Amino acid sequence: MSPPDVRSRLAALVASQAHPPSTADTITDDTALLGGGLDLDSLSLLDLVVSIEEQFDVKVAAADVTPEHFGTFGALAAYVGARVESTEEQRRD
């Protein structure tokens, strides 16, 4: 899956979890996911993790659910993109 595909699918998932719901085209790399910004609460974050795992066929380790990876959309897109790439490489081997 190409990085632009990951980003667009991920933006749609994130937008659907926002409070209030947002649209994918309003989400930028600097958009905060927690607290201000899209204001994801703990339940929304859990739903987002499950959706990421299902939509991208990757595993998100509990230890990875940190502000470093989930603080902004850009950080999350980089994390998910790396997980997708790693999973695809493992399947090719």
Foldseek 3Di string as FASTA:
>chain_A
DDLVVLLQVLLCLLQCLFVVRDHSVVADQAQFSDDPGRNHDPVSLVVSQVCLCVVLVFHDDPVNPDCQQRGGSNSVSVVSVVRSVVVVVVVVD
